[in-house]
Amino acid sequence: PPTQVGGSGLPFSTNGRPLAAGLRAGPPPASKRQKLNPADAPNPVVFVATKDTRALRKALTHLELRRAARRPNLPLKVKPLRPGGALAPPAP
């Protein structure tokens, strides 16, 4: 808690440093600023899901889907689709 020290009547904190009531906070450090994601385009393209894209998404495991979301520039290994949009049965 601040106390009055000396005859000047200026408040001082108990750790010996003067309180700076009139100082404004400067800009936040670079590590605290919000960083823009370079993958986010200024004019985003609207993605429309089709039966094929839904089937592809269902073919991925949870880990593959998460890895693809975190690294969208890397290619995915996806099982081939049948013409009807459903996944091909596994080969024996």
Protein backbone atom coordinates (compact mmCIF):
# COMPACT_ATOMS: atom_id res chain seq x y z
CA PRO A 1 0.00 0.00 0.00
CA PRO A 2 1.29 3.49 -0.82
CA THR A 3 2.35 5.70 2.06
CA GLN A 4 3.19 9.39 2.36
CA VAL A 5 6.94 9.88 2.67
CA GLY A 6 8.77 13.09 3.52
CA GLY A 7 7.36 16.58 3.60
CA SER A 8 6.59 16.66 -0.12
CA GLY A 9 3.53 14.45 0.27
CA LEU A 10 4.42 12.28 -2.73
CA PRO A 11 3.12 8.72 -2.52
CA PHE A 12 5.68 5.91 -2.49
CA SER A 13 5.05 2.20 -2.62
CA THR A 14 6.42 -0.08 0.07
CA ASN A 15 9.11 -1.51 -2.24
CA GLY A 16 10.79 1.90 -2.53
CA ARG A 17 9.84 2.72 -6.10
CA PRO A 18 7.73 5.81 -6.68
CA LEU A 19 4.24 5.31 -8.05
CA ALA A 20 3.90 6.58 -11.60
CA ALA A 21 0.28 7.65 -11.78
CA GLY A 22 0.81 10.03 -14.68
CA LEU A 23 2.68 7.64 -16.96
CA ARG A 24 0.86 6.15 -19.89
CA ALA A 25 1.46 2.61 -20.97
CA GLY A 26 3.41 2.39 -24.20
CA PRO A 27 2.71 0.02 -27.04
CA PRO A 28 2.69 -3.64 -26.02
CA PRO A 29 5.86 -5.60 -26.63
CA ALA A 30 6.16 -7.43 -29.94
CA SER A 31 5.59 -10.78 -28.25
CA LYS A 32 2.20 -9.62 -26.89
CA ARG A 33 0.88 -8.10 -30.13
CA GLN A 34 -1.59 -10.04 -32.21
CA LYS A 35 0.14 -11.70 -35.11
CA LEU A 36 -1.57 -11.94 -38.47
CA ASN A 37 -1.74 -15.38 -39.99
CA PRO A 38 -0.12 -15.25 -43.45
CA ALA A 39 -2.43 -18.06 -44.58
CA ASP A 40 -5.48 -15.82 -44.10
CA ALA A 41 -6.17 -14.05 -47.36
CA PRO A 42 -7.51 -10.48 -47.27
CA ASN A 43 -10.37 -11.59 -49.53
CA PRO A 44 -11.20 -15.16 -48.50
CA VAL A 45 -12.58 -17.60 -51.04
CA VAL A 46 -15.83 -19.32 -50.13
CA PHE A 47 -15.48 -23.09 -49.98
CA VAL A 48 -18.52 -25.16 -50.94
CA ALA A 49 -18.43 -28.76 -49.74
CA THR A 50 -19.58 -31.47 -52.15
CA LYS A 51 -20.28 -35.15 -51.57
CA ASP A 52 -16.74 -35.97 -52.67
CA THR A 53 -15.11 -33.50 -50.29
CA ARG A 54 -17.28 -34.76 -47.43
CA ALA A 55 -16.28 -38.34 -48.23
CA LEU A 56 -12.62 -37.30 -48.29
CA ARG A 57 -12.98 -35.65 -44.91
CA LYS A 58 -14.63 -38.75 -43.47
CA ALA A 59 -11.79 -40.89 -44.86
CA LEU A 60 -9.20 -39.03 -42.78
CA THR A 61 -8.43 -40.02 -39.23
CA HIS A 62 -8.65 -37.48 -36.44
CA LEU A 63 -4.88 -37.04 -36.40
CA GLU A 64 -4.63 -36.68 -40.18
CA LEU A 65 -7.39 -34.06 -40.18
CA ARG A 66 -5.70 -32.09 -37.42
CA ARG A 67 -2.30 -32.33 -39.15
CA ALA A 68 -3.84 -31.13 -42.41
CA ALA A 69 -5.51 -28.19 -40.66
CA ARG A 70 -2.24 -27.13 -39.05
CA ARG A 71 -0.18 -27.55 -42.23
CA PRO A 72 -2.49 -26.85 -45.19
CA ASN A 73 0.41 -26.56 -47.64
CA LEU A 74 1.49 -30.21 -47.26
CA PRO A 75 -0.11 -32.86 -49.51
CA LEU A 76 -2.46 -35.47 -48.04
CA LYS A 77 -2.39 -39.19 -48.68
CA VAL A 78 -6.03 -40.10 -49.30
CA LYS A 79 -7.52 -43.42 -50.33
CA PRO A 80 -9.07 -43.36 -53.85
CA LEU A 81 -12.81 -42.76 -54.12
CA ARG A 82 -15.34 -44.80 -56.03
CA PRO A 83 -17.40 -42.98 -58.69
CA GLY A 84 -20.44 -42.87 -56.36
CA GLY A 85 -18.53 -40.77 -53.86
CA ALA A 86 -18.13 -43.55 -51.30
CA LEU A 87 -14.76 -44.88 -50.30
CA ALA A 88 -13.38 -47.91 -52.08
CA PRO A 89 -13.37 -51.10 -50.02
CA PRO A 90 -9.97 -52.04 -48.61
CA ALA A 91 -7.91 -54.36 -50.79
CA PRO A 92 -7.30 -57.85 -49.32
